[in-house]
């Protein structure tokens, strides 16, 4: 997983926000850190297919918005936000299934079971990725399903 350059190093909310293997789960907040591993484009597009809510989760932020550059919960750059950005509500959600897409190079990365899979092309499993696309083809944009890299349903 590649991280965009940052003015300050972010610390994880807590161990509860990570998988057993220590992998960061897909919070909206993570979109403020992720950039394309190939061309470093930021922000990535987030296409949410399924969300899980954890109403008991709370965090105290030193400042709001908690994101530095991009708020995926609101789908806006931080400078475009007005009023309370909803950080207290945002932290309660995980993207369970979805896709991250680079608008610059067209590569897409699946989010499965709350974990973004941002592997280089040569380490990805084509059959697994195509099965994912087939399962969600009616819910994803054609830029992912028919034109996405490293593979898509049109090219097989």
C-alpha atoms as a PDB file:
ATOM      1  CA  UNK A   1       0.000   0.000   0.000  1.00  0.00           C
ATOM      2  CA  UNK A   2       1.400   3.387  -0.993  1.00  0.00           C
ATOM      3  CA  UNK A   3       0.803   6.514   1.039  1.00  0.00           C
ATOM      4  CA  UNK A   4       0.739  10.046  -0.283  1.00  0.00           C
ATOM      5  CA  UNK A   5       3.301  12.506   1.058  1.00  0.00           C
ATOM      6  CA  UNK A   6       1.969  14.122   4.191  1.00  0.00           C
ATOM      7  CA  UNK A   7       2.725  17.187   6.259  1.00  0.00           C
ATOM      8  CA  UNK A   8       2.587  15.008   9.350  1.00  0.00           C
ATOM      9  CA  UNK A   9       2.615  11.264  10.005  1.00  0.00           C
ATOM     10  CA  UNK A  10      -0.808   9.944  10.944  1.00  0.00           C
ATOM     11  CA  UNK A  11      -1.168   7.468  13.742  1.00  0.00           C
ATOM     12  CA  UNK A  12      -3.785   4.720  13.589  1.00  0.00           C
ATOM     13  CA  UNK A  13      -6.906   5.305  15.692  1.00  0.00           C
ATOM     14  CA  UNK A  14      -6.396   2.143  17.676  1.00  0.00           C
ATOM     15  CA  UNK A  15      -5.559  -1.505  17.202  1.00  0.00           C
ATOM     16  CA  UNK A  16      -9.301  -2.088  16.701  1.00  0.00           C
ATOM     17  CA  UNK A  17      -9.074  -0.339  13.327  1.00  0.00           C
ATOM     18  CA  UNK A  18      -6.612  -2.877  11.993  1.00  0.00           C
ATOM     19  CA  UNK A  19      -6.989  -6.464  10.919  1.00  0.00           C
ATOM     20  CA  UNK A  20      -5.335  -9.289  12.837  1.00  0.00           C
ATOM     21  CA  UNK A  21      -2.418  -9.047  10.404  1.00  0.00           C
ATOM     22  CA  UNK A  22      -1.974  -5.328  11.161  1.00  0.00           C
ATOM     23  CA  UNK A  23      -3.427  -4.202   7.805  1.00  0.00           C
ATOM     24  CA  UNK A  24      -5.381  -0.952   7.920  1.00  0.00           C
ATOM     25  CA  UNK A  25      -9.091  -1.543   7.375  1.00  0.00           C
ATOM     26  CA  UNK A  26     -10.916   0.594   4.839  1.00  0.00           C
ATOM     27  CA  UNK A  27     -12.187   3.611   6.718  1.00  0.00           C
ATOM     28  CA  UNK A  28     -13.237   6.672   4.757  1.00  0.00           C
ATOM     29  CA  UNK A  29     -10.436   8.411   6.655  1.00  0.00           C
ATOM     30  CA  UNK A  30      -7.859   6.214   4.896  1.00  0.00           C
ATOM     31  CA  UNK A  31      -8.671   7.922   1.578  1.00  0.00           C
ATOM     32  CA  UNK A  32      -6.778  10.981   2.852  1.00  0.00           C
ATOM     33  CA  UNK A  33      -3.607   8.869   2.800  1.00  0.00           C
ATOM     34  CA  UNK A  34      -3.899   6.589  -0.229  1.00  0.00           C
ATOM     35  CA  UNK A  35      -2.391   7.377  -3.617  1.00  0.00           C
ATOM     36  CA  UNK A  36      -1.962   5.217  -6.714  1.00  0.00           C
ATOM     37  CA  UNK A  37       1.092   2.948  -6.372  1.00  0.00           C
ATOM     38  CA  UNK A  38       1.916   3.453 -10.067  1.00  0.00           C
ATOM     39  CA  UNK A  39       1.606   7.169 -10.726  1.00  0.00           C
ATOM     40  CA  UNK A  40       1.042   8.579  -7.213  1.00  0.00           C
ATOM     41  CA  UNK A  41      -2.251  10.224  -8.274  1.00  0.00           C
ATOM     42  CA  UNK A  42      -4.320  11.615  -5.396  1.00  0.00           C
ATOM     43  CA  UNK A  43      -7.118  11.367  -4.454  1.00  0.00           C
ATOM     44  CA  UNK A  44      -8.259   8.000  -5.700  1.00  0.00           C
ATOM     45  CA  UNK A  45     -11.911   7.483  -6.602  1.00  0.00           C
ATOM     46  CA  UNK A  46     -13.860   5.436  -4.078  1.00  0.00           C
ATOM     47  CA  UNK A  47     -16.787   3.317  -5.298  1.00  0.00           C
ATOM     48  CA  UNK A  48     -18.602   1.910  -2.272  1.00  0.00           C
ATOM     49  CA  UNK A  49     -20.546  -1.330  -2.715  1.00  0.00           C
ATOM     50  CA  UNK A  50     -21.186  -2.257   0.916  1.00  0.00           C
ATOM     51  CA  UNK A  51     -20.678  -0.404   4.205  1.00  0.00           C
ATOM     52  CA  UNK A  52     -20.584  -1.716   7.757  1.00  0.00           C
ATOM     53  CA  UNK A  53     -21.422   0.509  10.698  1.00  0.00           C
ATOM     54  CA  UNK A  54     -19.836   0.199  14.135  1.00  0.00           C
ATOM     55  CA  UNK A  55     -21.996   2.549  16.255  1.00  0.00           C
ATOM     56  CA  UNK A  56     -19.976   1.940  19.433  1.00  0.00           C
ATOM     57  CA  UNK A  57     -16.763   3.321  17.886  1.00  0.00           C
ATOM     58  CA  UNK A  58     -15.720   6.755  19.117  1.00  0.00           C
ATOM     59  CA  UNK A  59     -12.604   8.871  18.715  1.00  0.00           C
ATOM     60  CA  UNK A  60     -11.683  12.246  20.126  1.00  0.00           C
ATOM     61  CA  UNK A  61     -10.045  14.412  17.483  1.00  0.00           C
ATOM     62  CA  UNK A  62      -7.638  17.211  18.354  1.00  0.00           C
ATOM     63  CA  UNK A  63      -8.921  19.131  15.355  1.00  0.00           C
ATOM     64  CA  UNK A  64     -11.632  18.848  12.741  1.00  0.00           C
ATOM     65  CA  UNK A  65     -11.641  18.027   9.976  1.00  0.00           C
ATOM     66  CA  UNK A  66      -9.386  15.111  10.866  1.00  0.00           C
ATOM     67  CA  UNK A  67      -8.408  14.693   7.212  1.00  0.00           C
ATOM     68  CA  UNK A  68      -5.671  16.937   5.858  1.00  0.00           C
ATOM     69  CA  UNK A  69      -6.518  17.134   2.169  1.00  0.00           C
ATOM     70  CA  UNK A  70      -9.497  14.972   1.191  1.00  0.00           C
ATOM     71  CA  UNK A  71     -12.650  13.948   3.076  1.00  0.00           C
ATOM     72  CA  UNK A  72     -14.017  10.783   1.423  1.00  0.00           C
ATOM     73  CA  UNK A  73     -16.961  10.665   3.846  1.00  0.00           C
ATOM     74  CA  UNK A  74     -18.221  13.907   2.288  1.00  0.00           C
ATOM     75  CA  UNK A  75     -16.522  13.349  -1.095  1.00  0.00           C
ATOM     76  CA  UNK A  76     -14.814  16.751  -1.026  1.00  0.00           C
ATOM     77  CA  UNK A  77     -11.423  18.316  -0.633  1.00  0.00           C
ATOM     78  CA  UNK A  78     -10.965  19.687   2.885  1.00  0.00           C
ATOM     79  CA  UNK A  79     -10.948  23.322   1.725  1.00  0.00           C
ATOM     80  CA  UNK A  80     -14.446  22.786   0.233  1.00  0.00           C
ATOM     81  CA  UNK A  81     -15.974  21.630   3.541  1.00  0.00           C
ATOM     82  CA  UNK A  82     -18.336  23.927   5.400  1.00  0.00           C
ATOM     83  CA  UNK A  83     -19.384  23.476   9.012  1.00  0.00           C
ATOM     84  CA  UNK A  84     -18.918  20.217  10.890  1.00  0.00           C
ATOM     85  CA  UNK A  85     -17.508  17.648   8.435  1.00  0.00           C
ATOM     86  CA  UNK A  86     -18.965  14.732  10.412  1.00  0.00           C
ATOM     87  CA  UNK A  87     -15.710  13.180  11.665  1.00  0.00           C
ATOM     88  CA  UNK A  88     -17.463  11.705  14.725  1.00  0.00           C
ATOM     89  CA  UNK A  89     -19.901   9.864  12.444  1.00  0.00           C
ATOM     90  CA  UNK A  90     -17.326   8.989   9.747  1.00  0.00           C
ATOM     91  CA  UNK A  91     -15.177   6.900  12.093  1.00  0.00           C
ATOM     92  CA  UNK A  92     -18.102   4.545  12.705  1.00  0.00           C
ATOM     93  CA  UNK A  93     -18.085   3.249   9.117  1.00  0.00           C
ATOM     94  CA  UNK A  94     -15.920   0.749   7.257  1.00  0.00           C
ATOM     95  CA  UNK A  95     -16.129   0.162   3.525  1.00  0.00           C
ATOM     96  CA  UNK A  96     -16.732  -3.598   3.472  1.00  0.00           C
ATOM     97  CA  UNK A  97     -16.756  -4.049  -0.313  1.00  0.00           C
ATOM     98  CA  UNK A  98     -15.778  -1.529  -2.950  1.00  0.00           C
ATOM     99  CA  UNK A  99     -13.240  -0.358  -5.472  1.00  0.00           C
ATOM    100  CA  UNK A 100     -10.495   2.235  -5.446  1.00  0.00           C
ATOM    101  CA  UNK A 101      -9.763   3.614  -8.926  1.00  0.00           C
ATOM    102  CA  UNK A 102      -6.948   5.820 -10.120  1.00  0.00           C
ATOM    103  CA  UNK A 103      -8.397   8.550 -12.349  1.00  0.00           C
ATOM    104  CA  UNK A 104      -4.997   9.049 -13.989  1.00  0.00           C
ATOM    105  CA  UNK A 105      -3.893   5.551 -15.062  1.00  0.00           C
ATOM    106  CA  UNK A 106      -7.240   3.719 -14.793  1.00  0.00           C
ATOM    107  CA  UNK A 107      -6.024   0.994 -12.435  1.00  0.00           C
ATOM    108  CA  UNK A 108      -8.566  -0.328  -9.961  1.00  0.00           C
ATOM    109  CA  UNK A 109      -8.051  -2.023  -6.627  1.00  0.00           C
ATOM    110  CA  UNK A 110     -10.711  -4.124  -4.884  1.00  0.00           C
ATOM    111  CA  UNK A 111     -11.779  -3.621  -1.287  1.00  0.00           C
ATOM    112  CA  UNK A 112     -12.720  -7.018   0.115  1.00  0.00           C
ATOM    113  CA  UNK A 113     -13.851  -7.731   3.654  1.00  0.00           C
ATOM    114  CA  UNK A 114     -12.915  -4.165   4.681  1.00  0.00           C
ATOM    115  CA  UNK A 115      -9.342  -4.426   3.333  1.00  0.00           C
ATOM    116  CA  UNK A 116      -8.060  -2.496   0.296  1.00  0.00           C
ATOM    117  CA  UNK A 117      -5.965  -4.826  -1.892  1.00  0.00           C
ATOM    118  CA  UNK A 118      -3.404  -2.519  -3.498  1.00  0.00           C
ATOM    119  CA  UNK A 119      -0.969  -4.992  -5.004  1.00  0.00           C
ATOM    120  CA  UNK A 120       1.228  -4.401  -8.075  1.00  0.00           C
ATOM    121  CA  UNK A 121      -0.203  -5.901 -11.284  1.00  0.00           C
ATOM    122  CA  UNK A 122       2.217  -8.824 -11.304  1.00  0.00           C
ATOM    123  CA  UNK A 123       1.157  -9.898  -7.795  1.00  0.00           C
ATOM    124  CA  UNK A 124      -2.584  -9.771  -8.423  1.00  0.00           C
ATOM    125  CA  UNK A 125      -4.655 -12.844  -9.150  1.00  0.00           C
ATOM    126  CA  UNK A 126      -6.420 -12.282 -12.458  1.00  0.00           C
ATOM    127  CA  UNK A 127      -9.128 -14.904 -11.910  1.00  0.00           C
ATOM    128  CA  UNK A 128      -9.958 -13.536  -8.458  1.00  0.00           C
ATOM    129  CA  UNK A 129     -10.145  -9.960  -9.760  1.00  0.00           C
ATOM    130  CA  UNK A 130     -12.336 -10.949 -12.724  1.00  0.00           C
ATOM    131  CA  UNK A 131     -14.672 -12.865 -10.378  1.00  0.00           C
ATOM    132  CA  UNK A 132     -14.925  -9.725  -8.224  1.00  0.00           C
ATOM    133  CA  UNK A 133     -15.777  -7.614 -11.305  1.00  0.00           C
ATOM    134  CA  UNK A 134     -18.353 -10.154 -12.483  1.00  0.00           C
ATOM    135  CA  UNK A 135     -20.033 -10.199  -9.067  1.00  0.00           C
ATOM    136  CA  UNK A 136     -20.354  -6.379  -8.954  1.00  0.00           C
ATOM    137  CA  UNK A 137     -20.478  -5.421 -12.658  1.00  0.00           C
ATOM    138  CA  UNK A 138     -23.959  -3.907 -12.347  1.00  0.00           C
ATOM    139  CA  UNK A 139     -22.920  -1.671  -9.439  1.00  0.00           C
ATOM    140  CA  UNK A 140     -19.559  -0.410 -10.760  1.00  0.00           C
ATOM    141  CA  UNK A 141     -18.879   2.261 -13.397  1.00  0.00           C
ATOM    142  CA  UNK A 142     -17.860   1.156 -16.898  1.00  0.00           C
ATOM    143  CA  UNK A 143     -14.440   2.778 -16.356  1.00  0.00           C
ATOM    144  CA  UNK A 144     -13.754  -0.084 -13.949  1.00  0.00           C
ATOM    145  CA  UNK A 145     -15.731  -2.944 -15.497  1.00  0.00           C
ATOM    146  CA  UNK A 146     -14.936  -2.376 -19.190  1.00  0.00           C
ATOM    147  CA  UNK A 147     -11.832  -0.172 -19.238  1.00  0.00           C
ATOM    148  CA  UNK A 148     -10.036  -0.860 -15.940  1.00  0.00           C
ATOM    149  CA  UNK A 149      -6.430  -1.940 -15.601  1.00  0.00           C
ATOM    150  CA  UNK A 150      -4.743  -4.347 -15.184  1.00  0.00           C
ATOM    151  CA  UNK A 151      -7.738  -6.239 -16.614  1.00  0.00           C
ATOM    152  CA  UNK A 152     -11.423  -5.841 -17.165  1.00  0.00           C
ATOM    153  CA  UNK A 153     -14.457  -7.838 -18.318  1.00  0.00           C
ATOM    154  CA  UNK A 154     -14.306  -6.487 -21.881  1.00  0.00           C
ATOM    155  CA  UNK A 155     -10.763  -7.776 -22.498  1.00  0.00           C
ATOM    156  CA  UNK A 156     -11.004 -10.751 -20.146  1.00  0.00           C
END
